Amino acid sequence: MKFDRLFLWVIGVIFIGGTTVASVIAMRTAPYDGDAAAAFTAKDYEVALVLWQDEALEGDGEALVHIGWLYENALGVFQDYAVAAESYRRAADQGVAAGQARLAQMYENGLGMEPDRDQAVALYTLAADHGNAFAQFKRGDMSQAGNAAQRDYGEAAKWYRLSADQGYPNAQAKLAILY
């Protein structure tokens, strides 16, 4: 008999506690009507994280990139490069160019992992081929510096032009320097 009461008490605590947590989350997210970007813009990073986690659970790769950004930059969470890299990796595995580019930068700089220039080049190239302006810019940098293979100013100009055509200002500046 005592066990039954204990079991009911535990179930009650879980149910009521779970309801309370769900209510608090609902109250915090209500002003944004489920819009994680609006919460992020309002600098309510904790709510943005909750909303993006929901989207990520539904298979949204872009949400994974945003989650990675929060962890990489310590926005509403403790900075954790390993969690950021894993979030970017999952997005990259879904073919999200921004995830590929962010993961490439993590490899390039050794954030949350050992630096791996070859992996960074491969991921930047993949993201650049998918039209990511930042990745195109980084491929231009790597070609100009000789980090991708040997120094190749023509290859650098090609990548900078693709990025600059999308309005990426750093690429426009680098392209001007090459000419």
Foldseek 3Di string as FASTA:
>chain_A
DVVVVVVVVVVVCCVVVVVVVVVVLCVVQVVVVLDLVVCVVVLVNVNSLVSLVVVVVVPDLVSLQVNLVCQCVVRVHDNDQLSSLVSLVSSVVVVNLSSLQVNLVCLCVVGNHDRDLQSSLVSLVSSVVVQDLVSLQVNLVCLCVCSNHGNDNVSSLVSLVSSVVVVPVVSVVVNVVSD
